[in-house]
């Protein structure tokens, strides 16, 4: 009798009731659709300042992986004459339906150590504000859609050890001019 009980228990644990997976909030049958982020798809020119220096980047944005993530590819348009590595990033923005928040994987030329911290975000109107909890302090990145001008701004801030928020970068994304 005990063997039969354990066999049934093992079977129950290995084969969950059929309704368990049909109620998943995330997965391949639940695409990430977002009317705000749809405005970011396509090609952009990114200009502005980062750490006090001018930035001129190209940005390409598309939905990937069964519409689970918005992929943002950002590349510095200028090659550095002084040997510095041009900035490049691949950013993946998704949504966690269970936690009801955006998630962002920011991977760039600074490598794995700086890319291991995930960002989590919430939407308020025409913007999504992401918070990254880095070991040296929190960092905010806000994507704001400007519907009247059909542009985006990306505002990045870091908090120093005294608790003061400082601007790290402010970018504007505009559609490239057609020849």
C-alpha atoms as a PDB file:
ATOM      1  CA  UNK A   1       0.000   0.000   0.000  1.00  0.00           C
ATOM      2  CA  UNK A   2       2.710   2.619   0.812  1.00  0.00           C
ATOM      3  CA  UNK A   3       4.367   1.983  -2.579  1.00  0.00           C
ATOM      4  CA  UNK A   4       1.106   2.713  -4.378  1.00  0.00           C
ATOM      5  CA  UNK A   5       0.668   5.953  -2.389  1.00  0.00           C
ATOM      6  CA  UNK A   6       4.169   7.165  -3.291  1.00  0.00           C
ATOM      7  CA  UNK A   7       3.697   6.172  -6.929  1.00  0.00           C
ATOM      8  CA  UNK A   8       0.462   8.175  -7.116  1.00  0.00           C
ATOM      9  CA  UNK A   9       2.073  11.119  -5.317  1.00  0.00           C
ATOM     10  CA  UNK A  10       5.018  11.073  -7.740  1.00  0.00           C
ATOM     11  CA  UNK A  11       2.648  10.908 -10.716  1.00  0.00           C
ATOM     12  CA  UNK A  12       0.611  13.831  -9.381  1.00  0.00           C
ATOM     13  CA  UNK A  13       3.744  15.932  -8.857  1.00  0.00           C
ATOM     14  CA  UNK A  14       5.153  15.135 -12.307  1.00  0.00           C
ATOM     15  CA  UNK A  15       1.905  15.628 -14.222  1.00  0.00           C
ATOM     16  CA  UNK A  16       0.035  18.677 -12.924  1.00  0.00           C
ATOM     17  CA  UNK A  17      -3.673  19.133 -13.643  1.00  0.00           C
ATOM     18  CA  UNK A  18      -4.294  20.317 -17.221  1.00  0.00           C
ATOM     19  CA  UNK A  19      -5.658  23.715 -16.184  1.00  0.00           C
ATOM     20  CA  UNK A  20      -2.435  24.857 -14.495  1.00  0.00           C
ATOM     21  CA  UNK A  21      -0.578  25.829 -17.677  1.00  0.00           C
ATOM     22  CA  UNK A  22      -3.598  27.296 -19.459  1.00  0.00           C
ATOM     23  CA  UNK A  23      -3.826  29.974 -16.772  1.00  0.00           C
ATOM     24  CA  UNK A  24      -0.204  31.200 -17.148  1.00  0.00           C
ATOM     25  CA  UNK A  25       0.052  34.941 -17.436  1.00  0.00           C
ATOM     26  CA  UNK A  26       3.323  34.792 -19.383  1.00  0.00           C
ATOM     27  CA  UNK A  27       4.611  32.485 -22.077  1.00  0.00           C
ATOM     28  CA  UNK A  28       4.736  31.892 -25.815  1.00  0.00           C
ATOM     29  CA  UNK A  29       0.963  32.158 -26.204  1.00  0.00           C
ATOM     30  CA  UNK A  30       0.760  35.502 -24.413  1.00  0.00           C
ATOM     31  CA  UNK A  31       2.405  38.127 -26.634  1.00  0.00           C
ATOM     32  CA  UNK A  32       3.616  41.403 -25.209  1.00  0.00           C
ATOM     33  CA  UNK A  33       1.589  44.150 -26.846  1.00  0.00           C
ATOM     34  CA  UNK A  34       2.075  47.741 -25.848  1.00  0.00           C
ATOM     35  CA  UNK A  35       0.565  50.673 -27.737  1.00  0.00           C
ATOM     36  CA  UNK A  36       3.092  53.099 -26.221  1.00  0.00           C
ATOM     37  CA  UNK A  37       6.190  51.098 -27.147  1.00  0.00           C
ATOM     38  CA  UNK A  38       4.787  50.406 -30.624  1.00  0.00           C
ATOM     39  CA  UNK A  39       5.612  54.082 -31.274  1.00  0.00           C
ATOM     40  CA  UNK A  40       9.311  53.295 -30.828  1.00  0.00           C
ATOM     41  CA  UNK A  41       9.597  50.685 -33.594  1.00  0.00           C
ATOM     42  CA  UNK A  42      11.631  51.697 -36.610  1.00  0.00           C
ATOM     43  CA  UNK A  43      14.791  53.732 -37.169  1.00  0.00           C
ATOM     44  CA  UNK A  44      15.859  56.766 -35.119  1.00  0.00           C
ATOM     45  CA  UNK A  45      18.635  59.308 -34.726  1.00  0.00           C
ATOM     46  CA  UNK A  46      19.587  59.732 -31.078  1.00  0.00           C
ATOM     47  CA  UNK A  47      21.226  63.020 -30.078  1.00  0.00           C
ATOM     48  CA  UNK A  48      21.975  64.649 -26.759  1.00  0.00           C
ATOM     49  CA  UNK A  49      24.496  64.496 -23.965  1.00  0.00           C
ATOM     50  CA  UNK A  50      25.884  61.662 -21.874  1.00  0.00           C
ATOM     51  CA  UNK A  51      28.178  62.430 -18.941  1.00  0.00           C
ATOM     52  CA  UNK A  52      28.636  65.924 -20.384  1.00  0.00           C
ATOM     53  CA  UNK A  53      29.713  64.713 -23.844  1.00  0.00           C
ATOM     54  CA  UNK A  54      27.766  65.015 -27.083  1.00  0.00           C
ATOM     55  CA  UNK A  55      26.139  61.846 -28.378  1.00  0.00           C
ATOM     56  CA  UNK A  56      25.148  61.031 -31.963  1.00  0.00           C
ATOM     57  CA  UNK A  57      23.832  57.467 -32.257  1.00  0.00           C
ATOM     58  CA  UNK A  58      21.643  55.447 -34.570  1.00  0.00           C
ATOM     59  CA  UNK A  59      18.836  53.390 -33.055  1.00  0.00           C
ATOM     60  CA  UNK A  60      16.865  50.535 -34.614  1.00  0.00           C
ATOM     61  CA  UNK A  61      13.859  49.110 -32.781  1.00  0.00           C
ATOM     62  CA  UNK A  62      11.762  46.018 -33.514  1.00  0.00           C
ATOM     63  CA  UNK A  63       9.645  43.387 -31.794  1.00  0.00           C
ATOM     64  CA  UNK A  64      11.430  40.016 -31.505  1.00  0.00           C
ATOM     65  CA  UNK A  65      11.117  36.540 -29.968  1.00  0.00           C
ATOM     66  CA  UNK A  66       7.442  35.973 -30.720  1.00  0.00           C
ATOM     67  CA  UNK A  67       6.617  39.589 -29.789  1.00  0.00           C
ATOM     68  CA  UNK A  68       7.873  39.009 -26.222  1.00  0.00           C
ATOM     69  CA  UNK A  69      10.559  41.714 -26.318  1.00  0.00           C
ATOM     70  CA  UNK A  70      11.166  45.064 -27.930  1.00  0.00           C
ATOM     71  CA  UNK A  71      14.791  45.022 -29.127  1.00  0.00           C
ATOM     72  CA  UNK A  72      16.557  48.368 -29.217  1.00  0.00           C
ATOM     73  CA  UNK A  73      19.923  48.435 -31.014  1.00  0.00           C
ATOM     74  CA  UNK A  74      21.889  51.582 -30.292  1.00  0.00           C
ATOM     75  CA  UNK A  75      25.204  52.409 -32.010  1.00  0.00           C
ATOM     76  CA  UNK A  76      27.513  55.390 -31.869  1.00  0.00           C
ATOM     77  CA  UNK A  77      27.748  56.883 -35.374  1.00  0.00           C
ATOM     78  CA  UNK A  78      31.258  58.204 -34.806  1.00  0.00           C
ATOM     79  CA  UNK A  79      34.480  56.255 -34.654  1.00  0.00           C
ATOM     80  CA  UNK A  80      36.744  57.611 -31.963  1.00  0.00           C
ATOM     81  CA  UNK A  81      40.138  58.870 -33.111  1.00  0.00           C
ATOM     82  CA  UNK A  82      41.637  58.482 -29.624  1.00  0.00           C
ATOM     83  CA  UNK A  83      41.098  54.719 -29.457  1.00  0.00           C
ATOM     84  CA  UNK A  84      37.994  54.796 -27.253  1.00  0.00           C
ATOM     85  CA  UNK A  85      35.472  52.065 -28.004  1.00  0.00           C
ATOM     86  CA  UNK A  86      32.336  53.490 -29.677  1.00  0.00           C
ATOM     87  CA  UNK A  87      29.213  52.946 -27.619  1.00  0.00           C
ATOM     88  CA  UNK A  88      26.903  50.125 -28.654  1.00  0.00           C
ATOM     89  CA  UNK A  89      23.995  48.534 -26.793  1.00  0.00           C
ATOM     90  CA  UNK A  90      21.324  45.913 -27.275  1.00  0.00           C
ATOM     91  CA  UNK A  91      18.389  46.605 -24.996  1.00  0.00           C
ATOM     92  CA  UNK A  92      15.526  44.153 -24.542  1.00  0.00           C
ATOM     93  CA  UNK A  93      12.293  45.470 -23.046  1.00  0.00           C
ATOM     94  CA  UNK A  94       9.666  42.952 -21.978  1.00  0.00           C
ATOM     95  CA  UNK A  95       6.752  42.764 -19.608  1.00  0.00           C
ATOM     96  CA  UNK A  96       6.229  40.520 -16.591  1.00  0.00           C
ATOM     97  CA  UNK A  97       2.459  39.981 -16.431  1.00  0.00           C
ATOM     98  CA  UNK A  98       2.713  38.177 -13.102  1.00  0.00           C
ATOM     99  CA  UNK A  99       4.433  41.129 -11.400  1.00  0.00           C
ATOM    100  CA  UNK A 100       2.684  43.704 -13.613  1.00  0.00           C
ATOM    101  CA  UNK A 101       5.872  45.560 -14.494  1.00  0.00           C
ATOM    102  CA  UNK A 102       8.222  46.123 -17.381  1.00  0.00           C
ATOM    103  CA  UNK A 103      11.614  44.436 -17.369  1.00  0.00           C
ATOM    104  CA  UNK A 104      14.686  45.637 -19.273  1.00  0.00           C
ATOM    105  CA  UNK A 105      17.948  43.838 -20.040  1.00  0.00           C
ATOM    106  CA  UNK A 106      20.551  46.509 -20.922  1.00  0.00           C
ATOM    107  CA  UNK A 107      23.584  44.934 -22.580  1.00  0.00           C
ATOM    108  CA  UNK A 108      26.376  47.134 -23.884  1.00  0.00           C
ATOM    109  CA  UNK A 109      30.115  47.449 -24.545  1.00  0.00           C
ATOM    110  CA  UNK A 110      30.803  47.645 -20.813  1.00  0.00           C
ATOM    111  CA  UNK A 111      30.320  43.878 -20.504  1.00  0.00           C
ATOM    112  CA  UNK A 112      28.664  41.384 -18.221  1.00  0.00           C
ATOM    113  CA  UNK A 113      29.318  43.043 -14.853  1.00  0.00           C
ATOM    114  CA  UNK A 114      27.382  46.160 -15.832  1.00  0.00           C
ATOM    115  CA  UNK A 115      24.684  44.172 -17.630  1.00  0.00           C
ATOM    116  CA  UNK A 116      23.809  41.781 -14.810  1.00  0.00           C
ATOM    117  CA  UNK A 117      21.388  44.166 -13.093  1.00  0.00           C
ATOM    118  CA  UNK A 118      17.883  44.064 -14.550  1.00  0.00           C
ATOM    119  CA  UNK A 119      15.766  47.171 -14.696  1.00  0.00           C
ATOM    120  CA  UNK A 120      12.123  47.146 -13.703  1.00  0.00           C
ATOM    121  CA  UNK A 121       9.649  49.751 -14.833  1.00  0.00           C
ATOM    122  CA  UNK A 122       6.174  51.127 -14.583  1.00  0.00           C
ATOM    123  CA  UNK A 123       4.183  53.110 -17.090  1.00  0.00           C
ATOM    124  CA  UNK A 124       2.612  56.441 -16.301  1.00  0.00           C
ATOM    125  CA  UNK A 125       0.859  58.044 -19.260  1.00  0.00           C
ATOM    126  CA  UNK A 126       3.307  58.410 -22.141  1.00  0.00           C
ATOM    127  CA  UNK A 127       6.395  57.265 -20.272  1.00  0.00           C
ATOM    128  CA  UNK A 128       8.001  54.206 -18.753  1.00  0.00           C
ATOM    129  CA  UNK A 129      10.410  54.745 -15.869  1.00  0.00           C
ATOM    130  CA  UNK A 130      12.921  51.970 -15.260  1.00  0.00           C
ATOM    131  CA  UNK A 131      14.807  51.528 -12.001  1.00  0.00           C
ATOM    132  CA  UNK A 132      18.132  49.690 -11.882  1.00  0.00           C
ATOM    133  CA  UNK A 133      19.425  48.775  -8.417  1.00  0.00           C
ATOM    134  CA  UNK A 134      23.174  48.724  -9.075  1.00  0.00           C
ATOM    135  CA  UNK A 135      25.609  47.831  -6.259  1.00  0.00           C
ATOM    136  CA  UNK A 136      26.865  51.440  -6.206  1.00  0.00           C
ATOM    137  CA  UNK A 137      23.352  52.919  -6.104  1.00  0.00           C
ATOM    138  CA  UNK A 138      20.069  53.235  -7.995  1.00  0.00           C
ATOM    139  CA  UNK A 139      19.877  54.446 -11.578  1.00  0.00           C
ATOM    140  CA  UNK A 140      16.748  55.641 -13.418  1.00  0.00           C
ATOM    141  CA  UNK A 141      16.061  55.579 -17.149  1.00  0.00           C
ATOM    142  CA  UNK A 142      12.831  57.136 -18.373  1.00  0.00           C
ATOM    143  CA  UNK A 143      11.533  56.620 -21.911  1.00  0.00           C
ATOM    144  CA  UNK A 144       9.045  59.424 -22.689  1.00  0.00           C
ATOM    145  CA  UNK A 145       6.955  59.576 -25.878  1.00  0.00           C
ATOM    146  CA  UNK A 146       6.169  63.066 -27.181  1.00  0.00           C
ATOM    147  CA  UNK A 147       3.112  62.482 -29.401  1.00  0.00           C
ATOM    148  CA  UNK A 148       2.896  66.052 -30.740  1.00  0.00           C
ATOM    149  CA  UNK A 149       6.409  65.953 -32.209  1.00  0.00           C
ATOM    150  CA  UNK A 150       6.570  62.159 -32.746  1.00  0.00           C
ATOM    151  CA  UNK A 151       9.816  62.000 -30.769  1.00  0.00           C
ATOM    152  CA  UNK A 152      11.133  60.134 -27.744  1.00  0.00           C
ATOM    153  CA  UNK A 153      13.293  61.375 -24.918  1.00  0.00           C
ATOM    154  CA  UNK A 154      15.464  59.133 -22.779  1.00  0.00           C
ATOM    155  CA  UNK A 155      16.414  60.681 -19.457  1.00  0.00           C
ATOM    156  CA  UNK A 156      18.963  58.905 -17.274  1.00  0.00           C
ATOM    157  CA  UNK A 157      19.796  59.792 -13.676  1.00  0.00           C
ATOM    158  CA  UNK A 158      22.039  58.355 -10.995  1.00  0.00           C
ATOM    159  CA  UNK A 159      21.956  58.918  -7.255  1.00  0.00           C
ATOM    160  CA  UNK A 160      25.207  59.730  -5.516  1.00  0.00           C
ATOM    161  CA  UNK A 161      26.247  58.612  -2.028  1.00  0.00           C
ATOM    162  CA  UNK A 162      24.727  61.734  -0.453  1.00  0.00           C
ATOM    163  CA  UNK A 163      21.313  60.853  -1.959  1.00  0.00           C
ATOM    164  CA  UNK A 164      21.318  63.598  -4.612  1.00  0.00           C
ATOM    165  CA  UNK A 165      20.014  62.701  -8.073  1.00  0.00           C
ATOM    166  CA  UNK A 166      22.263  63.750 -10.955  1.00  0.00           C
ATOM    167  CA  UNK A 167      21.614  63.778 -14.675  1.00  0.00           C
ATOM    168  CA  UNK A 168      23.707  61.189 -16.468  1.00  0.00           C
ATOM    169  CA  UNK A 169      22.235  61.507 -19.960  1.00  0.00           C
ATOM    170  CA  UNK A 170      19.464  63.263 -21.833  1.00  0.00           C
ATOM    171  CA  UNK A 171      18.692  62.088 -25.362  1.00  0.00           C
ATOM    172  CA  UNK A 172      16.134  62.909 -28.028  1.00  0.00           C
ATOM    173  CA  UNK A 173      15.164  60.357 -30.648  1.00  0.00           C
ATOM    174  CA  UNK A 174      13.932  61.708 -33.976  1.00  0.00           C
ATOM    175  CA  UNK A 175      13.196  59.978 -37.261  1.00  0.00           C
ATOM    176  CA  UNK A 176      16.085  60.312 -39.757  1.00  0.00           C
ATOM    177  CA  UNK A 177      15.589  62.816 -42.531  1.00  0.00           C
ATOM    178  CA  UNK A 178      14.782  61.117 -45.829  1.00  0.00           C
ATOM    179  CA  UNK A 179      17.141  61.950 -48.744  1.00  0.00           C
END
